PDB file of N, CA and C in Angstrom:
ATOM      1  N   MET A   1       1.392  -1.588  -0.572  1.00  0.00           N
ATOM      2  CA  MET A   1       0.081  -0.306  -0.091  1.00  0.00           C
ATOM      3  C   MET A   1       0.967   1.235   0.059  1.00  0.00           C
ATOM      4  N   ALA A   2       0.967   2.020  -0.728  1.00  0.00           N
ATOM      5  CA  ALA A   2       1.600   3.044  -1.131  1.00  0.00           C
ATOM      6  C   ALA A   2       1.089   4.426   0.203  1.00  0.00           C
ATOM      7  N   THR A   3       2.071   4.489   0.653  1.00  0.00           N
ATOM      8  CA  THR A   3       1.305   6.520   1.232  1.00  0.00           C
ATOM      9  C   THR A   3       2.274   7.684   0.744  1.00  0.00           C
ATOM     10  N   ARG A   4       1.834   8.734   0.929  1.00  0.00           N
ATOM     11  CA  ARG A   4       2.571   9.820   0.616  1.00  0.00           C
ATOM     12  C   ARG A   4       2.050  11.127   2.190  1.00  0.00           C
ATOM     13  N   SER A   5       3.627  11.287   1.953  1.00  0.00           N
ATOM     14  CA  SER A   5       4.228  12.329   2.462  1.00  0.00           C
ATOM     15  C   SER A   5       2.956  13.678   3.289  1.00  0.00           C
ATOM     16  N   VAL A   6       2.333  13.970   4.486  1.00  0.00           N
ATOM     17  CA  VAL A   6       1.313  14.689   4.155  1.00  0.00           C
ATOM     18  C   VAL A   6       1.847  16.008   4.132  1.00  0.00           C
ATOM     19  N   LEU A   7       3.261  16.685   4.504  1.00  0.00           N
ATOM     20  CA  LEU A   7       3.882  17.621   4.160  1.00  0.00           C
ATOM     21  C   LEU A   7       4.030  17.964   2.555  1.00  0.00           C
ATOM     22  N   ALA A   8       4.840  17.023   1.857  1.00  0.00           N
ATOM     23  CA  ALA A   8       4.588  16.967   0.596  1.00  0.00           C
ATOM     24  C   ALA A   8       3.087  16.824  -0.047  1.00  0.00           C
ATOM     25  N   VAL A   9       2.410  16.413   0.419  1.00  0.00           N
ATOM     26  CA  VAL A   9       0.976  16.833  -0.283  1.00  0.00           C
ATOM     27  C   VAL A   9       0.282  18.137  -0.167  1.00  0.00           C
ATOM     28  N   ALA A  10       0.918  18.888   0.610  1.00  0.00           N
ATOM     29  CA  ALA A  10      -0.034  20.608   0.952  1.00  0.00           C
ATOM     30  C   ALA A  10       1.349  20.952   0.818  1.00  0.00           C
ATOM     31  N   ASP A  11       2.612  21.168   0.395  1.00  0.00           N
ATOM     32  CA  ASP A  11       3.956  21.941  -0.427  1.00  0.00           C
ATOM     33  C   ASP A  11       2.508  21.882  -1.757  1.00  0.00           C
ATOM     34  N   LYS A  12       2.596  20.876  -2.518  1.00  0.00           N
ATOM     35  CA  LYS A  12       2.050  21.205  -3.619  1.00  0.00           C
ATOM     36  C   LYS A  12       0.878  21.332  -3.629  1.00  0.00           C
ATOM     37  N   LEU A  13       0.067  21.163  -2.529  1.00  0.00           N
ATOM     38  CA  LEU A  13      -1.016  22.502  -2.656  1.00  0.00           C
ATOM     39  C   LEU A  13      -0.971  23.995  -2.912  1.00  0.00           C
ATOM     40  N   VAL A  14       0.012  24.025  -2.182  1.00  0.00           N
ATOM     41  CA  VAL A  14       0.320  25.853  -1.554  1.00  0.00           C
ATOM     42  C   VAL A  14       1.218  26.005  -3.088  1.00  0.00           C
ATOM     43  N   ASN A  15       2.117  25.175  -2.938  1.00  0.00           N
ATOM     44  CA  ASN A  15       3.490  26.288  -3.948  1.00  0.00           C
ATOM     45  C   ASN A  15       2.457  25.791  -5.469  1.00  0.00           C
ATOM     46  N   LYS A  16       2.279  24.754  -5.725  1.00  0.00           N
ATOM     47  CA  LYS A  16       2.429  24.427  -6.856  1.00  0.00           C
ATOM     48  C   LYS A  16       0.904  25.027  -7.272  1.00  0.00           C
ATOM     49  N   PHE A  17      -0.353  24.236  -6.509  1.00  0.00           N
ATOM     50  CA  PHE A  17      -1.622  24.845  -7.033  1.00  0.00           C
ATOM     51  C   PHE A  17      -2.728  25.333  -6.577  1.00  0.00           C
ATOM     52  N   GLY A  18      -2.000  26.870  -5.351  1.00  0.00           N
ATOM     53  CA  GLY A  18      -1.760  27.924  -5.661  1.00  0.00           C
ATOM     54  C   GLY A  18      -3.669  27.702  -4.430  1.00  0.00           C
ATOM     55  N   PHE A  19      -2.953  26.383  -3.432  1.00  0.00           N
ATOM     56  CA  PHE A  19      -4.511  26.947  -1.763  1.00  0.00           C
ATOM     57  C   PHE A  19      -3.234  27.697  -0.556  1.00  0.00           C
ATOM     58  N   ALA A  20      -4.125  27.602  -0.388  1.00  0.00           N
ATOM     59  CA  ALA A  20      -3.435  28.363   0.827  1.00  0.00           C
ATOM     60  C   ALA A  20      -4.463  27.975   2.271  1.00  0.00           C
ATOM     61  N   LEU A  21      -3.295  28.094   3.327  1.00  0.00           N
ATOM     62  CA  LEU A  21      -3.901  28.101   4.884  1.00  0.00           C
ATOM     63  C   LEU A  21      -5.195  28.717   5.020  1.00  0.00           C
ATOM     64  N   ASP A  22      -6.024  27.845   5.547  1.00  0.00           N
ATOM     65  CA  ASP A  22      -7.297  28.474   5.923  1.00  0.00           C
ATOM     66  C   ASP A  22      -7.243  28.321   7.263  1.00  0.00           C
ATOM     67  N   GLU A  23      -7.048  29.261   7.524  1.00  0.00           N
ATOM     68  CA  GLU A  23      -7.042  29.685   9.545  1.00  0.00           C
ATOM     69  C   GLU A  23      -8.099  29.822  10.179  1.00  0.00           C
ATOM     70  N   ASP A  24      -8.801  30.354   9.493  1.00  0.00           N
ATOM     71  CA  ASP A  24     -10.309  30.031  10.123  1.00  0.00           C
ATOM     72  C   ASP A  24     -11.100  28.826  10.021  1.00  0.00           C
ATOM     73  N   ALA A  25     -10.848  27.776   9.300  1.00  0.00           N
ATOM     74  CA  ALA A  25     -11.555  26.510   9.356  1.00  0.00           C
ATOM     75  C   ALA A  25     -11.567  25.455  11.051  1.00  0.00           C
ATOM     76  N   GLY A  26     -10.887  26.068  11.628  1.00  0.00           N
ATOM     77  CA  GLY A  26     -11.008  25.113  12.971  1.00  0.00           C
ATOM     78  C   GLY A  26      -9.575  24.171  13.303  1.00  0.00           C
ATOM     79  N   ASP A  27      -9.618  23.600  14.780  1.00  0.00           N
ATOM     80  CA  ASP A  27      -8.848  23.377  15.736  1.00  0.00           C
ATOM     81  C   ASP A  27      -8.372  21.956  15.226  1.00  0.00           C
ATOM     82  N   ALA A  28      -9.218  20.768  14.551  1.00  0.00           N
ATOM     83  CA  ALA A  28      -9.496  19.613  14.289  1.00  0.00           C
ATOM     84  C   ALA A  28      -8.602  19.306  13.778  1.00  0.00           C
ATOM     85  N   HIS A  29      -8.442  20.145  12.147  1.00  0.00           N
ATOM     86  CA  HIS A  29      -7.969  19.381  11.410  1.00  0.00           C
ATOM     87  C   HIS A  29      -6.855  20.867  10.363  1.00  0.00           C
ATOM     88  N   ILE A  30      -6.283  20.751   9.985  1.00  0.00           N
ATOM     89  CA  ILE A  30      -5.336  21.896   8.724  1.00  0.00           C
ATOM     90  C   ILE A  30      -6.069  22.004   7.726  1.00  0.00           C
ATOM     91  N   PHE A  31      -6.315  22.862   7.249  1.00  0.00           N
ATOM     92  CA  PHE A  31      -7.478  22.884   6.304  1.00  0.00           C
ATOM     93  C   PHE A  31      -6.828  24.011   4.869  1.00  0.00           C
ATOM     94  N   TYR A  32      -6.712  23.529   3.843  1.00  0.00           N
ATOM     95  CA  TYR A  32      -5.729  24.674   2.564  1.00  0.00           C
ATOM     96  C   TYR A  32      -7.606  24.478   1.998  1.00  0.00           C
ATOM     97  N   SER A  33      -7.219  25.432   1.002  1.00  0.00           N
ATOM     98  CA  SER A  33      -8.627  25.876   0.164  1.00  0.00           C
ATOM     99  C   SER A  33      -8.196  26.855  -0.449  1.00  0.00           C
ATOM    100  N   ARG A  34      -8.840  27.133  -1.982  1.00  0.00           N
ATOM    101  CA  ARG A  34      -8.722  27.464  -2.994  1.00  0.00           C
ATOM    102  C   ARG A  34     -10.075  28.011  -4.106  1.00  0.00           C
ATOM    103  N   GLN A  35      -9.708  29.398  -4.178  1.00  0.00           N
ATOM    104  CA  GLN A  35     -10.997  29.867  -4.807  1.00  0.00           C
ATOM    105  C   GLN A  35     -11.045  29.573  -5.877  1.00  0.00           C
ATOM    106  N   VAL A  36     -12.084  28.977  -7.647  1.00  0.00           N
ATOM    107  CA  VAL A  36     -11.482  28.526  -8.595  1.00  0.00           C
ATOM    108  C   VAL A  36     -12.904  29.416  -8.983  1.00  0.00           C
ATOM    109  N   ASP A  37     -13.168  30.610  -9.667  1.00  0.00           N
ATOM    110  CA  ASP A  37     -13.232  30.901 -11.165  1.00  0.00           C
ATOM    111  C   ASP A  37     -14.646  30.149 -11.690  1.00  0.00           C
ATOM    112  N   GLY A  38     -15.778  30.554 -11.643  1.00  0.00           N
ATOM    113  CA  GLY A  38     -16.848  30.276 -12.030  1.00  0.00           C
ATOM    114  C   GLY A  38     -17.253  28.502 -11.264  1.00  0.00           C
ATOM    115  N   VAL A  39     -16.213  28.354 -10.106  1.00  0.00           N
ATOM    116  CA  VAL A  39     -16.452  27.120  -9.398  1.00  0.00           C
ATOM    117  C   VAL A  39     -16.658  27.145  -8.134  1.00  0.00           C
ATOM    118  N   GLY A  40     -15.809  28.290  -7.760  1.00  0.00           N
ATOM    119  CA  GLY A  40     -16.339  28.195  -6.086  1.00  0.00           C
ATOM    120  C   GLY A  40     -15.025  28.019  -5.221  1.00  0.00           C
ATOM    121  N   LYS A  41     -15.295  28.156  -4.134  1.00  0.00           N
ATOM    122  CA  LYS A  41     -14.359  27.516  -3.043  1.00  0.00           C
ATOM    123  C   LYS A  41     -13.882  25.982  -2.636  1.00  0.00           C
ATOM    124  N   VAL A  42     -13.151  25.715  -3.534  1.00  0.00           N
ATOM    125  CA  VAL A  42     -12.365  24.042  -3.333  1.00  0.00           C
ATOM    126  C   VAL A  42     -11.793  24.044  -2.319  1.00  0.00           C
ATOM    127  N   SER A  43     -11.527  22.918  -1.239  1.00  0.00           N
ATOM    128  CA  SER A  43     -10.813  23.028   0.094  1.00  0.00           C
ATOM    129  C   SER A  43     -10.919  21.160   0.692  1.00  0.00           C
ATOM    130  N   THR A  44      -9.602  21.460   1.187  1.00  0.00           N
ATOM    131  CA  THR A  44      -9.225  19.788   1.615  1.00  0.00           C
ATOM    132  C   THR A  44      -8.342  19.823   2.709  1.00  0.00           C
ATOM    133  N   HIS A  45      -8.840  18.963   3.433  1.00  0.00           N
ATOM    134  CA  HIS A  45      -7.920  19.160   5.386  1.00  0.00           C
ATOM    135  C   HIS A  45      -7.593  17.550   5.717  1.00  0.00           C
ATOM    136  N   PHE A  46      -6.474  18.137   6.587  1.00  0.00           N
ATOM    137  CA  PHE A  46      -5.777  17.572   7.309  1.00  0.00           C
ATOM    138  C   PHE A  46      -5.668  17.341   8.646  1.00  0.00           C
ATOM    139  N   SER A  47      -5.168  15.968   9.700  1.00  0.00           N
ATOM    140  CA  SER A  47      -5.611  15.640  10.499  1.00  0.00           C
ATOM    141  C   SER A  47      -4.307  16.186  11.431  1.00  0.00           C
ATOM    142  N   HIS A  48      -4.409  17.392  12.474  1.00  0.00           N
ATOM    143  CA  HIS A  48      -3.251  17.094  12.966  1.00  0.00           C
ATOM    144  C   HIS A  48      -2.738  15.961  13.325  1.00  0.00           C
ATOM    145  N   GLY A  49      -1.091  15.862  13.907  1.00  0.00           N
ATOM    146  CA  GLY A  49      -0.523  14.631  13.623  1.00  0.00           C
ATOM    147  C   GLY A  49      -0.332  13.445  12.840  1.00  0.00           C
ATOM    148  N   GLU A  50      -1.156  13.600  11.829  1.00  0.00           N
ATOM    149  CA  GLU A  50      -1.681  12.943  10.392  1.00  0.00           C
ATOM    150  C   GLU A  50      -0.140  12.751   9.673  1.00  0.00           C
ATOM    151  N   LYS A  51       0.989  12.160   9.921  1.00  0.00           N
ATOM    152  CA  LYS A  51       2.226  12.177   8.784  1.00  0.00           C
ATOM    153  C   LYS A  51       2.465  11.729   7.930  1.00  0.00           C
ATOM    154  N   GLU A  52       1.533  10.424   7.321  1.00  0.00           N
ATOM    155  CA  GLU A  52       2.211  10.087   6.161  1.00  0.00           C
ATOM    156  C   GLU A  52      -0.136   9.631   5.822  1.00  0.00           C
ATOM    157  N   ILE A  53       0.000   9.569   4.620  1.00  0.00           N
ATOM    158  CA  ILE A  53      -1.500   9.577   3.748  1.00  0.00           C
ATOM    159  C   ILE A  53      -1.793   8.479   2.767  1.00  0.00           C
ATOM    160  N   ARG A  54      -2.482   7.853   3.496  1.00  0.00           N
ATOM    161  CA  ARG A  54      -2.338   5.947   1.929  1.00  0.00           C
ATOM    162  C   ARG A  54      -3.651   6.386   1.168  1.00  0.00           C
ATOM    163  N   ASP A  55      -3.975   5.661   0.424  1.00  0.00           N
ATOM    164  CA  ASP A  55      -4.080   5.503  -1.137  1.00  0.00           C
ATOM    165  C   ASP A  55      -6.216   5.964  -0.907  1.00  0.00           C
ATOM    166  N   VAL A  56      -5.774   5.011   0.234  1.00  0.00           N
ATOM    167  CA  VAL A  56      -7.959   5.417   0.337  1.00  0.00           C
ATOM    168  C   VAL A  56      -7.859   6.776   0.849  1.00  0.00           C
ATOM    169  N   LEU A  57      -7.643   7.381   2.050  1.00  0.00           N
ATOM    170  CA  LEU A  57      -7.594   8.752   1.977  1.00  0.00           C
ATOM    171  C   LEU A  57      -6.517   9.952   0.526  1.00  0.00           C
ATOM    172  N   ILE A  58      -5.937   9.461   0.033  1.00  0.00           N
ATOM    173  CA  ILE A  58      -5.892  10.324  -1.396  1.00  0.00           C
ATOM    174  C   ILE A  58      -6.910  10.523  -2.403  1.00  0.00           C
ATOM    175  N   ARG A  59      -7.463   9.447  -2.382  1.00  0.00           N
ATOM    176  CA  ARG A  59      -9.036   8.878  -2.960  1.00  0.00           C
ATOM    177  C   ARG A  59      -9.583   9.919  -2.369  1.00  0.00           C
ATOM    178  N   ALA A  60      -9.663   9.826  -0.885  1.00  0.00           N
ATOM    179  CA  ALA A  60     -10.929  11.132  -0.714  1.00  0.00           C
ATOM    180  C   ALA A  60     -10.941  12.143  -0.381  1.00  0.00           C
ATOM    181  N   VAL A  61      -9.234  12.858  -0.551  1.00  0.00           N
ATOM    182  CA  VAL A  61      -9.108  14.072  -0.617  1.00  0.00           C
ATOM    183  C   VAL A  61      -8.896  14.849  -2.236  1.00  0.00           C
ATOM    184  N   ALA A  62      -8.352  13.538  -3.509  1.00  0.00           N
ATOM    185  CA  ALA A  62      -9.015  14.016  -4.801  1.00  0.00           C
ATOM    186  C   ALA A  62     -10.556  14.133  -4.359  1.00  0.00           C
ATOM    187  N   GLY A  63     -11.585  13.876  -3.448  1.00  0.00           N
ATOM    188  CA  GLY A  63     -12.388  14.390  -3.746  1.00  0.00           C
ATOM    189  C   GLY A  63     -13.078  15.022  -3.639  1.00  0.00           C
ATOM    190  N   GLN A  64     -12.534  15.586  -2.554  1.00  0.00           N
ATOM    191  CA  GLN A  64     -12.605  16.849  -2.020  1.00  0.00           C
ATOM    192  C   GLN A  64     -11.830  18.107  -3.291  1.00  0.00           C
ATOM    193  N   LEU A  65     -11.433  17.760  -3.765  1.00  0.00           N
ATOM    194  CA  LEU A  65     -10.458  18.888  -4.817  1.00  0.00           C
ATOM    195  C   LEU A  65     -11.519  18.446  -5.978  1.00  0.00           C
ATOM    196  N   ARG A  66     -12.686  17.869  -5.865  1.00  0.00           N
ATOM    197  CA  ARG A  66     -13.359  17.348  -7.441  1.00  0.00           C
ATOM    198  C   ARG A  66     -12.454  16.910  -8.629  1.00  0.00           C
ATOM    199  N   VAL A  67     -11.230  15.955  -8.124  1.00  0.00           N
ATOM    200  CA  VAL A  67     -11.281  14.859  -9.203  1.00  0.00           C
ATOM    201  C   VAL A  67     -10.833  13.550  -8.755  1.00  0.00           C
ATOM    202  N   ASN A  68     -10.730  13.152  -9.647  1.00  0.00           N
ATOM    203  CA  ASN A  68     -10.142  11.880  -9.621  1.00  0.00           C
ATOM    204  C   ASN A  68      -8.786  11.261  -8.880  1.00  0.00           C
ATOM    205  N   GLY A  69      -9.249   9.774  -8.092  1.00  0.00           N
ATOM    206  CA  GLY A  69      -7.645   9.348  -7.127  1.00  0.00           C
ATOM    207  C   GLY A  69      -6.291   9.439  -8.654  1.00  0.00           C
ATOM    208  N   ALA A  70      -6.751   8.823 -10.033  1.00  0.00           N
ATOM    209  CA  ALA A  70      -5.484   8.937 -10.770  1.00  0.00           C
ATOM    210  C   ALA A  70      -5.378  10.128 -10.411  1.00  0.00           C
ATOM    211  N   TYR A  71      -5.964  11.433 -10.907  1.00  0.00           N
ATOM    212  CA  TYR A  71      -5.859  12.442 -11.750  1.00  0.00           C
ATOM    213  C   TYR A  71      -5.172  12.851 -10.630  1.00  0.00           C
ATOM    214  N   PHE A  72      -5.823  13.194  -9.100  1.00  0.00           N
ATOM    215  CA  PHE A  72      -5.045  13.698  -8.196  1.00  0.00           C
ATOM    216  C   PHE A  72      -3.387  13.024  -8.404  1.00  0.00           C
ATOM    217  N   LYS A  73      -3.144  11.781  -7.692  1.00  0.00           N
ATOM    218  CA  LYS A  73      -1.636  10.844  -8.081  1.00  0.00           C
ATOM    219  C   LYS A  73      -0.506  11.703  -9.269  1.00  0.00           C
ATOM    220  N   ASN A  74      -1.570  11.809 -10.409  1.00  0.00           N
ATOM    221  CA  ASN A  74      -1.048  13.203 -11.487  1.00  0.00           C
ATOM    222  C   ASN A  74      -0.327  14.294 -10.675  1.00  0.00           C
ATOM    223  N   MET A  75      -1.092  14.560 -10.403  1.00  0.00           N
ATOM    224  CA  MET A  75      -1.104  16.201 -10.566  1.00  0.00           C
ATOM    225  C   MET A  75      -0.475  16.701  -9.123  1.00  0.00           C
ATOM    226  N   LEU A  76      -0.030  15.280  -7.913  1.00  0.00           N
ATOM    227  CA  LEU A  76       1.010  15.285  -6.542  1.00  0.00           C
ATOM    228  C   LEU A  76       2.128  14.914  -7.681  1.00  0.00           C
ATOM    229  N   ASP A  77       2.538  14.247  -8.983  1.00  0.00           N
ATOM    230  CA  ASP A  77       3.522  13.598  -9.325  1.00  0.00           C
ATOM    231  C   ASP A  77       4.336  14.531 -10.698  1.00  0.00           C
ATOM    232  N   CYS A  78       3.922  15.175 -10.312  1.00  0.00           N
ATOM    233  CA  CYS A  78       3.599  16.462 -11.263  1.00  0.00           C
ATOM    234  C   CYS A  78       3.592  16.231 -12.826  1.00  0.00           C
ATOM    235  N   LYS A  79       2.334  15.284 -13.395  1.00  0.00           N
ATOM    236  CA  LYS A  79       1.600  14.960 -14.589  1.00  0.00           C
ATOM    237  C   LYS A  79       0.839  15.855 -15.248  1.00  0.00           C
ATOM    238  N   ASN A  80       0.369  16.760 -14.281  1.00  0.00           N
ATOM    239  CA  ASN A  80      -0.972  17.954 -13.661  1.00  0.00           C
ATOM    240  C   ASN A  80      -0.517  19.788 -13.869  1.00  0.00           C
ATOM    241  N   SER A  81      -0.967  20.223 -14.854  1.00  0.00           N
ATOM    242  CA  SER A  81      -0.357  21.587 -14.406  1.00  0.00           C
ATOM    243  C   SER A  81      -1.890  21.923 -13.472  1.00  0.00           C
ATOM    244  N   CYS A  82      -1.650  23.177 -12.709  1.00  0.00           N
ATOM    245  CA  CYS A  82      -2.860  23.550 -12.115  1.00  0.00           C
ATOM    246  C   CYS A  82      -3.713  24.291 -13.153  1.00  0.00           C
ATOM    247  N   GLY A  83      -3.690  24.652 -14.022  1.00  0.00           N
ATOM    248  CA  GLY A  83      -4.430  24.973 -14.953  1.00  0.00           C
ATOM    249  C   GLY A  83      -4.809  23.810 -15.718  1.00  0.00           C
ATOM    250  N   ALA A  84      -4.405  23.392 -16.475  1.00  0.00           N
ATOM    251  CA  ALA A  84      -5.513  21.262 -16.350  1.00  0.00           C
ATOM    252  C   ALA A  84      -6.307  21.289 -15.160  1.00  0.00           C
ATOM    253  N   ARG A  85      -6.011  21.318 -13.693  1.00  0.00           N
ATOM    254  CA  ARG A  85      -7.007  21.650 -13.544  1.00  0.00           C
ATOM    255  C   ARG A  85      -7.222  21.934 -13.017  1.00  0.00           C
ATOM    256  N   ILE A  86      -7.666  23.012 -13.424  1.00  0.00           N
ATOM    257  CA  ILE A  86      -8.952  23.604 -12.934  1.00  0.00           C
ATOM    258  C   ILE A  86      -9.948  23.126 -13.791  1.00  0.00           C
ATOM    259  N   GLU A  87     -10.088  23.557 -15.508  1.00  0.00           N
ATOM    260  CA  GLU A  87     -10.035  22.266 -17.029  1.00  0.00           C
ATOM    261  C   GLU A  87     -11.233  21.890 -16.219  1.00  0.00           C
ATOM    262  N   GLN A  88     -10.151  20.368 -15.781  1.00  0.00           N
ATOM    263  CA  GLN A  88     -10.910  19.495 -15.283  1.00  0.00           C
ATOM    264  C   GLN A  88     -11.941  18.877 -14.724  1.00  0.00           C
ATOM    265  N   ILE A  89     -11.736  19.782 -13.452  1.00  0.00           N
ATOM    266  CA  ILE A  89     -12.535  20.436 -12.752  1.00  0.00           C
ATOM    267  C   ILE A  89     -14.462  21.086 -12.766  1.00  0.00           C
ATOM    268  N   ARG A  90     -13.700  21.878 -13.772  1.00  0.00           N
ATOM    269  CA  ARG A  90     -14.414  22.385 -14.852  1.00  0.00           C
ATOM    270  C   ARG A  90     -15.600  21.798 -15.909  1.00  0.00           C
ATOM    271  N   GLU A  91     -14.575  20.802 -16.398  1.00  0.00           N
ATOM    272  CA  GLU A  91     -15.698  20.374 -17.616  1.00  0.00           C
ATOM    273  C   GLU A  91     -15.632  18.823 -17.231  1.00  0.00           C
ATOM    274  N   ASN A  92     -15.269  18.008 -16.129  1.00  0.00           N
ATOM    275  CA  ASN A  92     -15.155  15.845 -15.973  1.00  0.00           C
ATOM    276  C   ASN A  92     -15.403  16.572 -13.784  1.00  0.00           C
ATOM    277  N   PRO A  93     -16.267  17.567 -13.216  1.00  0.00           N
ATOM    278  CA  PRO A  93     -15.837  17.054 -12.011  1.00  0.00           C
ATOM    279  C   PRO A  93     -16.368  16.123 -11.549  1.00  0.00           C
ATOM    280  N   VAL A  94     -15.198  15.551 -10.223  1.00  0.00           N
ATOM    281  CA  VAL A  94     -16.165  14.509  -9.513  1.00  0.00           C
ATOM    282  C   VAL A  94     -16.665  15.573  -8.561  1.00  0.00           C
ATOM    283  N   GLY A  95     -17.218  14.437  -7.583  1.00  0.00           N
ATOM    284  CA  GLY A  95     -18.082  14.595  -6.073  1.00  0.00           C
ATOM    285  C   GLY A  95     -18.678  15.763  -6.128  1.00  0.00           C
ATOM    286  N   PRO A  96     -19.458  16.499  -5.513  1.00  0.00           N
ATOM    287  CA  PRO A  96     -20.727  17.441  -5.301  1.00  0.00           C
ATOM    288  C   PRO A  96     -21.481  18.056  -6.764  1.00  0.00           C
ATOM    289  N   LEU A  97     -20.111  18.585  -7.348  1.00  0.00           N
ATOM    290  CA  LEU A  97     -20.479  19.319  -8.857  1.00  0.00           C
ATOM    291  C   LEU A  97     -20.834  18.410  -9.948  1.00  0.00           C
ATOM    292  N   ALA A  98     -20.384  17.302 -10.071  1.00  0.00           N
ATOM    293  CA  ALA A  98     -20.869  16.581 -11.117  1.00  0.00           C
ATOM    294  C   ALA A  98     -22.088  16.228 -11.188  1.00  0.00           C
ATOM    295  N   ARG A  99     -23.211  16.314  -9.881  1.00  0.00           N
ATOM    296  CA  ARG A  99     -24.589  16.594 -10.577  1.00  0.00           C
ATOM    297  C   ARG A  99     -25.223  17.771 -11.283  1.00  0.00           C
ATOM    298  N   PHE A 100     -24.551  18.662 -11.193  1.00  0.00           N
ATOM    299  CA  PHE A 100     -24.857  19.865 -12.150  1.00  0.00           C
ATOM    300  C   PHE A 100     -24.507  20.073 -13.005  1.00  0.00           C
ATOM    301  N   HIS A 101     -23.236  19.027 -13.857  1.00  0.00           N
ATOM    302  CA  HIS A 101     -22.404  19.317 -14.594  1.00  0.00           C
ATOM    303  C   HIS A 101     -22.878  19.022 -15.963  1.00  0.00           C
ATOM    304  N   ASP A 102     -23.526  20.108 -16.801  1.00  0.00           N
ATOM    305  CA  ASP A 102     -24.039  19.639 -17.946  1.00  0.00           C
ATOM    306  C   ASP A 102     -22.808  19.663 -19.277  1.00  0.00           C
ATOM    307  N   PRO A 103     -22.829  18.882 -19.543  1.00  0.00           N
ATOM    308  CA  PRO A 103     -21.305  18.830 -20.496  1.00  0.00           C
ATOM    309  C   PRO A 103     -21.530  19.558 -21.482  1.00  0.00           C
ATOM    310  N   ARG A 104     -23.234  19.654 -21.653  1.00  0.00           N
ATOM    311  CA  ARG A 104     -23.854  20.716 -23.575  1.00  0.00           C
ATOM    312  C   ARG A 104     -22.633  22.362 -23.100  1.00  0.00           C
ATOM    313  N   LYS A 105     -23.118  22.663 -22.028  1.00  0.00           N
ATOM    314  CA  LYS A 105     -22.950  24.028 -21.815  1.00  0.00           C
ATOM    315  C   LYS A 105     -21.603  24.152 -21.224  1.00  0.00           C
ATOM    316  N   LYS A 106     -21.336  25.085 -22.215  1.00  0.00           N
ATOM    317  CA  LYS A 106     -19.818  25.725 -22.150  1.00  0.00           C
ATOM    318  C   LYS A 106     -19.235  26.991 -22.080  1.00  0.00           C
TER     319      LYS A 106
END
């Protein structure tokens, strides 16, 4: 079972994909969020004290960020750019936005 460092994932979110630490989100978790034009706020969180993230949690984070697990892993491995991620959210959303997505509307 593959794991990833929470610090490495958080670093990619902030430094490559433009997420910011959400200071007002609460004390139980560390929240990262980003406003995406035409979509709204996209956010995820990690538990304090969590050092490694297993695949099942990687998929959960991917869902919170509205992309699928494989796509998120490619983001972390520098195979998808920030612009590509935003297009993925707009054109093929996963999670809560998927039910509102009409592929006929551009």
